[in-house]
Amino acid sequence: MMKQISQYALLSIGLVTVPAIAKTQVITLGTGTPVTTPERVGSSTAVVYNDKAYLFDIGPGAVHRAIQAAANGFPQLAPTKIEHLFITHLHSDHILDYAELASTLWWRRDNQISAYGPKGIQSLTDGYYQMLQVDLDLRINGSQPVQSPELYKVKVNEYEQGGWVFKDGDVTIEAFDVPHGDIKPAFGYKITTPDKTIVISGDTGYSEKLIEMAQGVDILVHEVINDEALKKVSPAWQNYHSHAHTPATELAKVANATKPKLLVLTHLLYYAEPVQSTAEQVREHYNGKVVLANDLDVFE
């Protein structure tokens, strides 16, 4: 009688292959603010799972960072491969590369981009079409070959408030409302994959809803303003920032209430203060793992 060969033995001689376990990774493409620098471009965070990238915000410089990330081992972030863009709110530092993402090599795309977020994205999209009207006409009606004349278009999904859910296979993305000064709506996002839970705050003041959504997540990507920097700006700016953003000591309270496995600081408002002092201010009141993100950092 033939002797049964174990699965382990077959594996050891290369006759059985085990499929790779999917891994979720977070890439901070842009960690800056409206005052962008060569080191920190406008806000943008990517979540990569399997062969897809889910992009959250697309501030100025973010497309260039995505191209860099694609060249550094994340082909899912090539502009022609990105299919899903989620906008937290319509401030300029979160959307100025929108037209660039949608138009970059669109004639080589396989699928249109879908954009999700607050009401106003359709107007933004119509403005992109108008701005590039001459260019689009030349490419579509000229001699340049294109895969489809419709691929420059964006499928827009607008929402007046949070609570909506996006599903794509094993990936679930939940939008929730956050307070960001005068602008409404502003969304945070919770991303759930088979191996990770992630919350991206967007721009927000202290938020009980965010605390609810971020309980025990693997990664909390949260904006922050330096405490000492906040003290040194004018009273008018102090009033604005205290409602629109989260000071470091307040963020420590959020982290203590949610207990993420990793707290990633982004959208770094620190003015003339040393940037690393922002993380130190959080650590003074929070004992968990805190990382001050740079552009193109990878977290998993």
C-alpha atoms as a PDB file:
ATOM      1  CA  MET A   1       0.000   0.000   0.000  1.00  0.00           C
ATOM      2  CA  MET A   2       1.258   3.468  -0.898  1.00  0.00           C
ATOM      3  CA  LYS A   3       2.554   5.331   2.103  1.00  0.00           C
ATOM      4  CA  GLN A   4       0.703   8.619   2.714  1.00  0.00           C
ATOM      5  CA  ILE A   5       2.931  11.671   2.404  1.00  0.00           C
ATOM      6  CA  SER A   6       2.233  14.492   4.841  1.00  0.00           C
ATOM      7  CA  GLN A   7       1.382  18.013   3.697  1.00  0.00           C
ATOM      8  CA  TYR A   8       4.481  19.217   5.515  1.00  0.00           C
ATOM      9  CA  ALA A   9       6.692  16.808   3.538  1.00  0.00           C
ATOM     10  CA  LEU A  10       5.147  17.931   0.255  1.00  0.00           C
ATOM     11  CA  LEU A  11       5.701  21.534   1.265  1.00  0.00           C
ATOM     12  CA  SER A  12       9.335  20.860   2.113  1.00  0.00           C
ATOM     13  CA  ILE A  13      10.067  19.474  -1.357  1.00  0.00           C
ATOM     14  CA  GLY A  14       8.213  22.249  -3.138  1.00  0.00           C
ATOM     15  CA  LEU A  15       5.163  20.288  -4.356  1.00  0.00           C
ATOM     16  CA  VAL A  16       2.680  22.322  -2.330  1.00  0.00           C
ATOM     17  CA  THR A  17       2.559  26.082  -2.203  1.00  0.00           C
ATOM     18  CA  VAL A  18       0.920  28.115   0.524  1.00  0.00           C
ATOM     19  CA  PRO A  19      -0.711  31.349  -0.597  1.00  0.00           C
ATOM     20  CA  ALA A  20       0.844  34.487   0.842  1.00  0.00           C
ATOM     21  CA  ILE A  21      -1.027  36.018   3.760  1.00  0.00           C
ATOM     22  CA  ALA A  22      -2.452  39.401   2.835  1.00  0.00           C
ATOM     23  CA  LYS A  23      -0.912  42.308   4.725  1.00  0.00           C
ATOM     24  CA  THR A  24      -2.263  45.774   5.271  1.00  0.00           C
ATOM     25  CA  GLN A  25       0.158  48.689   5.191  1.00  0.00           C
ATOM     26  CA  VAL A  26      -0.268  52.406   5.828  1.00  0.00           C
ATOM     27  CA  ILE A  27       1.870  54.909   3.917  1.00  0.00           C
ATOM     28  CA  THR A  28       1.896  58.561   4.970  1.00  0.00           C
ATOM     29  CA  LEU A  29       2.340  60.196   1.587  1.00  0.00           C
ATOM     30  CA  GLY A  30       1.936  63.770   2.821  1.00  0.00           C
ATOM     31  CA  THR A  31       2.265  64.888   6.449  1.00  0.00           C
ATOM     32  CA  GLY A  32       2.155  68.654   5.976  1.00  0.00           C
ATOM     33  CA  THR A  33      -0.315  71.503   6.346  1.00  0.00           C
ATOM     34  CA  PRO A  34      -1.319  74.482   4.158  1.00  0.00           C
ATOM     35  CA  VAL A  35       2.286  75.650   4.637  1.00  0.00           C
ATOM     36  CA  THR A  36       3.903  72.874   2.610  1.00  0.00           C
ATOM     37  CA  THR A  37       7.653  72.314   2.541  1.00  0.00           C
ATOM     38  CA  PRO A  38       9.909  70.141   0.373  1.00  0.00           C
ATOM     39  CA  GLU A  39       9.988  67.640   3.246  1.00  0.00           C
ATOM     40  CA  ARG A  40       6.266  67.661   4.063  1.00  0.00           C
ATOM     41  CA  VAL A  41       3.758  67.963   1.240  1.00  0.00           C
ATOM     42  CA  GLY A  42      -0.014  68.302   1.598  1.00  0.00           C
ATOM     43  CA  SER A  43      -2.135  65.796   3.467  1.00  0.00           C
ATOM     44  CA  SER A  44      -2.454  62.309   2.038  1.00  0.00           C
ATOM     45  CA  THR A  45      -2.463  58.828   3.559  1.00  0.00           C
ATOM     46  CA  ALA A  46      -2.668  55.524   1.698  1.00  0.00           C
ATOM     47  CA  VAL A  47      -3.877  52.170   2.953  1.00  0.00           C
ATOM     48  CA  VAL A  48      -2.603  49.314   0.801  1.00  0.00           C
ATOM     49  CA  TYR A  49      -4.159  45.858   1.005  1.00  0.00           C
ATOM     50  CA  ASN A  50      -3.399  43.114  -1.506  1.00  0.00           C
ATOM     51  CA  ASP A  51      -3.272  44.648  -4.983  1.00  0.00           C
ATOM     52  CA  LYS A  52      -5.231  47.811  -4.176  1.00  0.00           C
ATOM     53  CA  ALA A  53      -4.530  51.194  -2.650  1.00  0.00           C
ATOM     54  CA  TYR A  54      -7.162  53.256  -0.881  1.00  0.00           C
ATOM     55  CA  LEU A  55      -6.164  56.920  -0.788  1.00  0.00           C
ATOM     56  CA  PHE A  56      -7.300  59.384   1.872  1.00  0.00           C
ATOM     57  CA  ASP A  57      -6.926  63.019   0.794  1.00  0.00           C
ATOM     58  CA  ILE A  58      -4.772  64.307  -2.032  1.00  0.00           C
ATOM     59  CA  GLY A  59      -3.027  67.500  -0.938  1.00  0.00           C
ATOM     60  CA  PRO A  60      -0.470  69.414  -3.012  1.00  0.00           C
ATOM     61  CA  GLY A  61       2.525  67.217  -3.806  1.00  0.00           C
ATOM     62  CA  ALA A  62       0.753  63.971  -2.955  1.00  0.00           C
ATOM     63  CA  VAL A  63       0.765  62.622  -6.518  1.00  0.00           C
ATOM     64  CA  HIS A  64       4.537  63.002  -6.679  1.00  0.00           C
ATOM     65  CA  ARG A  65       4.805  61.154  -3.354  1.00  0.00           C
ATOM     66  CA  ALA A  66       2.555  58.388  -4.716  1.00  0.00           C
ATOM     67  CA  ILE A  67       4.864  58.018  -7.716  1.00  0.00           C
ATOM     68  CA  GLN A  68       7.822  57.790  -5.332  1.00  0.00           C
ATOM     69  CA  ALA A  69       6.041  55.148  -3.279  1.00  0.00           C
ATOM     70  CA  ALA A  70       5.228  53.173  -6.441  1.00  0.00           C
ATOM     71  CA  ALA A  71       8.924  53.193  -7.330  1.00  0.00           C
ATOM     72  CA  ASN A  72       9.796  52.024  -3.805  1.00  0.00           C
ATOM     73  CA  GLY A  73       7.796  48.808  -3.741  1.00  0.00           C
ATOM     74  CA  PHE A  74       4.157  49.912  -3.823  1.00  0.00           C
ATOM     75  CA  PRO A  75       3.038  49.598  -7.466  1.00  0.00           C
ATOM     76  CA  GLN A  76      -0.569  49.954  -6.260  1.00  0.00           C
ATOM     77  CA  LEU A  77       0.201  53.656  -5.768  1.00  0.00           C
ATOM     78  CA  ALA A  78       1.052  54.422  -9.375  1.00  0.00           C
ATOM     79  CA  PRO A  79      -1.498  57.110 -10.322  1.00  0.00           C
ATOM     80  CA  THR A  80      -3.006  54.955 -13.064  1.00  0.00           C
ATOM     81  CA  LYS A  81      -3.598  52.134 -10.555  1.00  0.00           C
ATOM     82  CA  ILE A  82      -5.351  54.186  -7.863  1.00  0.00           C
ATOM     83  CA  GLU A  83      -9.110  53.651  -8.121  1.00  0.00           C
ATOM     84  CA  HIS A  84     -10.513  54.787  -4.759  1.00  0.00           C
ATOM     85  CA  LEU A  85     -10.016  58.264  -3.264  1.00  0.00           C
ATOM     86  CA  PHE A  86     -11.621  59.330   0.003  1.00  0.00           C
ATOM     87  CA  ILE A  87     -11.717  63.023   0.918  1.00  0.00           C
ATOM     88  CA  THR A  88     -11.965  64.108   4.562  1.00  0.00           C
ATOM     89  CA  HIS A  89     -12.952  67.719   3.798  1.00  0.00           C
ATOM     90  CA  LEU A  90     -12.532  70.365   1.134  1.00  0.00           C
ATOM     91  CA  HIS A  91      -9.730  72.523   2.529  1.00  0.00           C
ATOM     92  CA  SER A  92      -7.082  73.228  -0.098  1.00  0.00           C
ATOM     93  CA  ASP A  93      -4.268  71.311   1.602  1.00  0.00           C
ATOM     94  CA  HIS A  94      -6.331  68.127   1.279  1.00  0.00           C
ATOM     95  CA  ILE A  95      -7.502  68.436  -2.343  1.00  0.00           C
ATOM     96  CA  LEU A  96      -5.120  70.489  -4.493  1.00  0.00           C
ATOM     97  CA  ASP A  97      -3.699  67.413  -6.286  1.00  0.00           C
ATOM     98  CA  TYR A  98      -7.173  66.096  -7.131  1.00  0.00           C
ATOM     99  CA  ALA A  99      -7.034  67.171 -10.777  1.00  0.00           C
ATOM    100  CA  GLU A 100      -3.460  65.947 -11.069  1.00  0.00           C
ATOM    101  CA  LEU A 101      -4.366  62.486  -9.821  1.00  0.00           C
ATOM    102  CA  ALA A 102      -7.387  62.205 -12.105  1.00  0.00           C
ATOM    103  CA  SER A 103      -5.564  63.483 -15.205  1.00  0.00           C
ATOM    104  CA  THR A 104      -2.130  61.857 -14.828  1.00  0.00           C
ATOM    105  CA  LEU A 105      -1.775  59.357 -17.700  1.00  0.00           C
ATOM    106  CA  TRP A 106      -5.539  58.797 -17.664  1.00  0.00           C
ATOM    107  CA  TRP A 107      -5.326  57.403 -21.211  1.00  0.00           C
ATOM    108  CA  ARG A 108      -3.411  54.412 -19.794  1.00  0.00           C
ATOM    109  CA  ARG A 109      -5.917  53.623 -17.070  1.00  0.00           C
ATOM    110  CA  ASP A 110      -7.827  50.358 -16.834  1.00  0.00           C
ATOM    111  CA  ASN A 111     -10.558  51.820 -14.602  1.00  0.00           C
ATOM    112  CA  GLN A 112     -11.931  55.225 -13.680  1.00  0.00           C
ATOM    113  CA  ILE A 113     -11.199  56.774 -10.304  1.00  0.00           C
ATOM    114  CA  SER A 114     -14.051  56.856  -7.806  1.00  0.00           C
ATOM    115  CA  ALA A 115     -14.055  59.740  -5.319  1.00  0.00           C
ATOM    116  CA  TYR A 116     -15.962  59.642  -2.028  1.00  0.00           C
ATOM    117  CA  GLY A 117     -16.476  62.366   0.522  1.00  0.00           C
ATOM    118  CA  PRO A 118     -18.340  65.550   1.451  1.00  0.00           C
ATOM    119  CA  LYS A 119     -20.782  67.393  -0.751  1.00  0.00           C
ATOM    120  CA  GLY A 120     -18.830  69.681  -3.069  1.00  0.00           C
ATOM    121  CA  ILE A 121     -16.685  67.045  -4.761  1.00  0.00           C
ATOM    122  CA  GLN A 122     -18.836  67.172  -7.894  1.00  0.00           C
ATOM    123  CA  SER A 123     -18.213  70.918  -8.215  1.00  0.00           C
ATOM    124  CA  LEU A 124     -14.517  70.254  -7.698  1.00  0.00           C
ATOM    125  CA  THR A 125     -14.648  67.614 -10.427  1.00  0.00           C
ATOM    126  CA  ASP A 126     -16.509  69.873 -12.844  1.00  0.00           C
ATOM    127  CA  GLY A 127     -13.822  72.492 -12.274  1.00  0.00           C
ATOM    128  CA  TYR A 128     -11.156  69.937 -13.162  1.00  0.00           C
ATOM    129  CA  TYR A 129     -12.973  69.166 -16.422  1.00  0.00           C
ATOM    130  CA  GLN A 130     -13.236  72.866 -17.240  1.00  0.00           C
ATOM    131  CA  MET A 131      -9.609  73.597 -16.380  1.00  0.00           C
ATOM    132  CA  LEU A 132      -8.372  70.848 -18.714  1.00  0.00           C
ATOM    133  CA  GLN A 133     -10.994  71.285 -21.434  1.00  0.00           C
ATOM    134  CA  VAL A 134      -8.453  72.113 -24.155  1.00  0.00           C
ATOM    135  CA  ASP A 135      -6.063  69.346 -23.084  1.00  0.00           C
ATOM    136  CA  LEU A 136      -8.821  66.728 -22.873  1.00  0.00           C
ATOM    137  CA  ASP A 137     -10.226  67.684 -26.271  1.00  0.00           C
ATOM    138  CA  LEU A 138      -6.811  67.398 -27.907  1.00  0.00           C
ATOM    139  CA  ARG A 139      -6.116  63.991 -26.365  1.00  0.00           C
ATOM    140  CA  ILE A 140      -9.547  62.539 -27.079  1.00  0.00           C
ATOM    141  CA  ASN A 141     -10.091  63.948 -30.561  1.00  0.00           C
ATOM    142  CA  GLY A 142      -6.501  64.200 -31.749  1.00  0.00           C
ATOM    143  CA  SER A 143      -4.098  61.534 -32.951  1.00  0.00           C
ATOM    144  CA  GLN A 144      -3.044  60.314 -29.471  1.00  0.00           C
ATOM    145  CA  PRO A 145      -4.188  56.747 -28.770  1.00  0.00           C
ATOM    146  CA  VAL A 146      -6.328  56.305 -25.625  1.00  0.00           C
ATOM    147  CA  GLN A 147      -7.795  53.134 -24.127  1.00  0.00           C
ATOM    148  CA  SER A 148     -11.152  54.812 -23.579  1.00  0.00           C
ATOM    149  CA  PRO A 149     -12.235  58.456 -23.957  1.00  0.00           C
ATOM    150  CA  GLU A 150     -14.139  58.175 -20.649  1.00  0.00           C
ATOM    151  CA  LEU A 151     -11.234  57.312 -18.361  1.00  0.00           C
ATOM    152  CA  TYR A 152     -10.422  60.905 -17.433  1.00  0.00           C
ATOM    153  CA  LYS A 153     -13.802  61.141 -15.704  1.00  0.00           C
ATOM    154  CA  VAL A 154     -14.283  60.614 -11.966  1.00  0.00           C
ATOM    155  CA  LYS A 155     -17.176  58.670 -10.448  1.00  0.00           C
ATOM    156  CA  VAL A 156     -18.290  61.013  -7.678  1.00  0.00           C
ATOM    157  CA  ASN A 157     -20.003  59.885  -4.483  1.00  0.00           C
ATOM    158  CA  GLU A 158     -21.040  62.846  -2.288  1.00  0.00           C
ATOM    159  CA  TYR A 159     -22.414  62.747   1.261  1.00  0.00           C
ATOM    160  CA  GLU A 160     -23.853  65.478   3.471  1.00  0.00           C
ATOM    161  CA  GLN A 161     -22.974  63.688   6.716  1.00  0.00           C
ATOM    162  CA  GLY A 162     -21.043  60.714   8.033  1.00  0.00           C
ATOM    163  CA  GLY A 163     -22.413  57.261   8.740  1.00  0.00           C
ATOM    164  CA  TRP A 164     -21.994  55.876   5.236  1.00  0.00           C
ATOM    165  CA  VAL A 165     -20.040  52.703   4.549  1.00  0.00           C
ATOM    166  CA  PHE A 166     -17.927  51.550   1.590  1.00  0.00           C
ATOM    167  CA  LYS A 167     -17.177  47.872   1.036  1.00  0.00           C
ATOM    168  CA  ASP A 168     -14.707  46.333  -1.404  1.00  0.00           C
ATOM    169  CA  GLY A 169     -14.239  42.605  -0.865  1.00  0.00           C
ATOM    170  CA  ASP A 170     -12.486  42.156   2.495  1.00  0.00           C
ATOM    171  CA  VAL A 171     -12.112  45.913   3.014  1.00  0.00           C
ATOM    172  CA  THR A 172     -14.691  48.025   4.858  1.00  0.00           C
ATOM    173  CA  ILE A 173     -14.398  51.806   5.181  1.00  0.00           C
ATOM    174  CA  GLU A 174     -16.705  53.712   7.533  1.00  0.00           C
ATOM    175  CA  ALA A 175     -17.054  57.502   7.404  1.00  0.00           C
ATOM    176  CA  PHE A 176     -17.879  59.471  10.551  1.00  0.00           C
ATOM    177  CA  ASP A 177     -18.305  63.155  11.320  1.00  0.00           C
ATOM    178  CA  VAL A 178     -15.545  65.106  13.055  1.00  0.00           C
ATOM    179  CA  PRO A 179     -15.513  68.759  14.222  1.00  0.00           C
ATOM    180  CA  HIS A 180     -13.210  70.945  12.144  1.00  0.00           C
ATOM    181  CA  GLY A 181     -14.075  74.564  12.811  1.00  0.00           C
ATOM    182  CA  ASP A 182     -16.456  76.123  10.309  1.00  0.00           C
ATOM    183  CA  ILE A 183     -16.211  73.481   7.601  1.00  0.00           C
ATOM    184  CA  LYS A 184     -19.030  70.930   7.487  1.00  0.00           C
ATOM    185  CA  PRO A 185     -19.099  68.115   6.839  1.00  0.00           C
ATOM    186  CA  ALA A 186     -15.636  66.896   7.727  1.00  0.00           C
ATOM    187  CA  PHE A 187     -15.053  63.172   7.892  1.00  0.00           C
ATOM    188  CA  GLY A 188     -12.767  60.747   9.643  1.00  0.00           C
ATOM    189  CA  TYR A 189     -12.479  57.199   8.332  1.00  0.00           C
ATOM    190  CA  LYS A 190     -12.228  53.757   9.906  1.00  0.00           C
ATOM    191  CA  ILE A 191     -10.692  51.094   7.685  1.00  0.00           C
ATOM    192  CA  THR A 192     -11.110  47.410   8.522  1.00  0.00           C
ATOM    193  CA  THR A 193      -9.245  44.640   6.697  1.00  0.00           C
ATOM    194  CA  PRO A 194      -8.755  40.991   7.715  1.00  0.00           C
ATOM    195  CA  ASP A 195      -5.510  41.843   9.553  1.00  0.00           C
ATOM    196  CA  LYS A 196      -5.815  45.511  10.597  1.00  0.00           C
ATOM    197  CA  THR A 197      -8.112  48.194  11.940  1.00  0.00           C
ATOM    198  CA  ILE A 198      -7.080  51.769  11.140  1.00  0.00           C
ATOM    199  CA  VAL A 199      -8.612  55.144  11.893  1.00  0.00           C
ATOM    200  CA  ILE A 200      -7.631  58.279   9.978  1.00  0.00           C
ATOM    201  CA  SER A 201      -8.769  61.404  11.791  1.00  0.00           C
ATOM    202  CA  GLY A 202      -8.667  63.956   9.014  1.00  0.00           C
ATOM    203  CA  ASP A 203      -8.533  67.469  10.462  1.00  0.00           C
ATOM    204  CA  THR A 204     -10.411  67.566  13.747  1.00  0.00           C
ATOM    205  CA  GLY A 205     -10.725  69.054  17.167  1.00  0.00           C
ATOM    206  CA  TYR A 206     -11.196  66.773  20.168  1.00  0.00           C
ATOM    207  CA  SER A 207     -13.888  64.301  19.075  1.00  0.00           C
ATOM    208  CA  GLU A 208     -15.929  61.883  21.164  1.00  0.00           C
ATOM    209  CA  LYS A 209     -17.130  60.233  17.943  1.00  0.00           C
ATOM    210  CA  LEU A 210     -13.547  59.565  16.907  1.00  0.00           C
ATOM    211  CA  ILE A 211     -12.856  58.061  20.336  1.00  0.00           C
ATOM    212  CA  GLU A 212     -15.828  55.755  19.834  1.00  0.00           C
ATOM    213  CA  MET A 213     -14.678  54.681  16.367  1.00  0.00           C
ATOM    214  CA  ALA A 214     -11.005  54.236  17.298  1.00  0.00           C
ATOM    215  CA  GLN A 215     -11.359  51.957  20.311  1.00  0.00           C
ATOM    216  CA  GLY A 216      -8.430  49.501  20.325  1.00  0.00           C
ATOM    217  CA  VAL A 217      -7.471  50.027  16.691  1.00  0.00           C
ATOM    218  CA  ASP A 218      -4.158  48.786  15.382  1.00  0.00           C
ATOM    219  CA  ILE A 219      -3.179  52.179  13.941  1.00  0.00           C
ATOM    220  CA  LEU A 220      -4.590  55.624  14.698  1.00  0.00           C
ATOM    221  CA  VAL A 221      -3.382  58.262  12.224  1.00  0.00           C
ATOM    222  CA  HIS A 222      -4.195  61.580  13.860  1.00  0.00           C
ATOM    223  CA  GLU A 223      -3.521  65.243  13.196  1.00  0.00           C
ATOM    224  CA  VAL A 224      -1.867  67.360  15.906  1.00  0.00           C
ATOM    225  CA  ILE A 225      -0.822  70.911  16.771  1.00  0.00           C
ATOM    226  CA  ASN A 226       2.181  71.624  18.966  1.00  0.00           C
ATOM    227  CA  ASP A 227       1.202  72.970  22.414  1.00  0.00           C
ATOM    228  CA  GLU A 228       3.979  75.551  22.585  1.00  0.00           C
ATOM    229  CA  ALA A 229       3.329  76.729  19.048  1.00  0.00           C
ATOM    230  CA  LEU A 230      -0.334  77.242  19.891  1.00  0.00           C
ATOM    231  CA  LYS A 231       0.581  79.461  22.842  1.00  0.00           C
ATOM    232  CA  LYS A 232       2.680  81.768  20.643  1.00  0.00           C
ATOM    233  CA  VAL A 233       0.176  82.576  17.902  1.00  0.00           C
ATOM    234  CA  SER A 234      -2.289  85.473  18.094  1.00  0.00           C
ATOM    235  CA  PRO A 235      -5.517  85.126  20.120  1.00  0.00           C
ATOM    236  CA  ALA A 236      -7.509  84.897  16.880  1.00  0.00           C
ATOM    237  CA  TRP A 237      -5.389  81.982  15.659  1.00  0.00           C
ATOM    238  CA  GLN A 238      -5.498  80.346  19.093  1.00  0.00           C
ATOM    239  CA  ASN A 239      -9.289  80.480  18.958  1.00  0.00           C
ATOM    240  CA  TYR A 240      -9.356  79.026  15.447  1.00  0.00           C
ATOM    241  CA  HIS A 241      -6.871  76.236  16.102  1.00  0.00           C
ATOM    242  CA  SER A 242      -8.457  75.219  19.402  1.00  0.00           C
ATOM    243  CA  HIS A 243     -11.708  74.440  17.559  1.00  0.00           C
ATOM    244  CA  ALA A 244     -10.284  73.143  14.295  1.00  0.00           C
ATOM    245  CA  HIS A 245      -7.323  71.057  15.450  1.00  0.00           C
ATOM    246  CA  THR A 246      -6.150  68.836  18.310  1.00  0.00           C
ATOM    247  CA  PRO A 247      -3.367  70.119  20.593  1.00  0.00           C
ATOM    248  CA  ALA A 248      -0.787  67.543  21.668  1.00  0.00           C
ATOM    249  CA  THR A 249      -2.074  67.315  25.252  1.00  0.00           C
ATOM    250  CA  GLU A 250      -5.627  66.806  23.990  1.00  0.00           C
ATOM    251  CA  LEU A 251      -4.412  64.116  21.604  1.00  0.00           C
ATOM    252  CA  ALA A 252      -2.847  62.323  24.574  1.00  0.00           C
ATOM    253  CA  LYS A 253      -6.341  62.222  26.127  1.00  0.00           C
ATOM    254  CA  VAL A 254      -7.710  60.747  22.892  1.00  0.00           C
ATOM    255  CA  ALA A 255      -4.962  58.114  22.862  1.00  0.00           C
ATOM    256  CA  ASN A 256      -5.525  57.217  26.512  1.00  0.00           C
ATOM    257  CA  ALA A 257      -9.226  56.776  25.803  1.00  0.00           C
ATOM    258  CA  THR A 258      -8.764  54.678  22.640  1.00  0.00           C
ATOM    259  CA  LYS A 259      -5.518  52.782  23.375  1.00  0.00           C
ATOM    260  CA  PRO A 260      -4.345  52.189  19.794  1.00  0.00           C
ATOM    261  CA  LYS A 261      -1.463  49.798  19.263  1.00  0.00           C
ATOM    262  CA  LEU A 262       0.262  52.593  17.344  1.00  0.00           C
ATOM    263  CA  LEU A 263      -0.419  56.336  17.280  1.00  0.00           C
ATOM    264  CA  VAL A 264       0.883  58.049  14.134  1.00  0.00           C
ATOM    265  CA  LEU A 265       1.108  61.849  14.196  1.00  0.00           C
ATOM    266  CA  THR A 266       0.477  63.661  10.918  1.00  0.00           C
ATOM    267  CA  HIS A 267      -0.716  67.039   9.570  1.00  0.00           C
ATOM    268  CA  LEU A 268       1.950  68.517  11.826  1.00  0.00           C
ATOM    269  CA  LEU A 269       1.329  72.095  12.899  1.00  0.00           C
ATOM    270  CA  TYR A 270       4.393  73.203  14.821  1.00  0.00           C
ATOM    271  CA  TYR A 271       5.353  76.647  13.432  1.00  0.00           C
ATOM    272  CA  ALA A 272       8.850  77.552  14.700  1.00  0.00           C
ATOM    273  CA  GLU A 273       8.957  74.860  17.384  1.00  0.00           C
ATOM    274  CA  PRO A 274      11.147  71.755  16.905  1.00  0.00           C
ATOM    275  CA  VAL A 275       8.950  69.232  15.130  1.00  0.00           C
ATOM    276  CA  GLN A 276      10.010  66.354  17.416  1.00  0.00           C
ATOM    277  CA  SER A 277       8.797  68.276  20.449  1.00  0.00           C
ATOM    278  CA  THR A 278       5.236  67.635  19.260  1.00  0.00           C
ATOM    279  CA  ALA A 279       5.638  63.903  19.808  1.00  0.00           C
ATOM    280  CA  GLU A 280       7.364  64.559  23.148  1.00  0.00           C
ATOM    281  CA  GLN A 281       4.373  66.604  24.306  1.00  0.00           C
ATOM    282  CA  VAL A 282       2.044  63.687  23.528  1.00  0.00           C
ATOM    283  CA  ARG A 283       4.348  61.227  25.298  1.00  0.00           C
ATOM    284  CA  GLU A 284       4.334  63.340  28.469  1.00  0.00           C
ATOM    285  CA  HIS A 285       0.719  62.287  29.022  1.00  0.00           C
ATOM    286  CA  TYR A 286       0.484  59.006  27.084  1.00  0.00           C
ATOM    287  CA  ASN A 287       2.605  55.897  27.562  1.00  0.00           C
ATOM    288  CA  GLY A 288       1.691  54.044  24.363  1.00  0.00           C
ATOM    289  CA  LYS A 289       3.675  53.837  21.149  1.00  0.00           C
ATOM    290  CA  VAL A 290       3.825  57.196  19.348  1.00  0.00           C
ATOM    291  CA  VAL A 291       5.501  57.882  16.006  1.00  0.00           C
ATOM    292  CA  LEU A 292       5.883  61.283  14.364  1.00  0.00           C
ATOM    293  CA  ALA A 293       5.314  60.493  10.700  1.00  0.00           C
ATOM    294  CA  ASN A 294       7.403  61.688   7.800  1.00  0.00           C
ATOM    295  CA  ASP A 295       6.389  61.639   4.137  1.00  0.00           C
ATOM    296  CA  LEU A 296       6.650  58.118   2.696  1.00  0.00           C
ATOM    297  CA  ASP A 297       6.833  56.349   6.076  1.00  0.00           C
ATOM    298  CA  VAL A 298       5.341  52.851   6.085  1.00  0.00           C
ATOM    299  CA  PHE A 299       3.434  51.363   9.048  1.00  0.00           C
ATOM    300  CA  GLU A 300       2.159  47.820   9.399  1.00  0.00           C
END
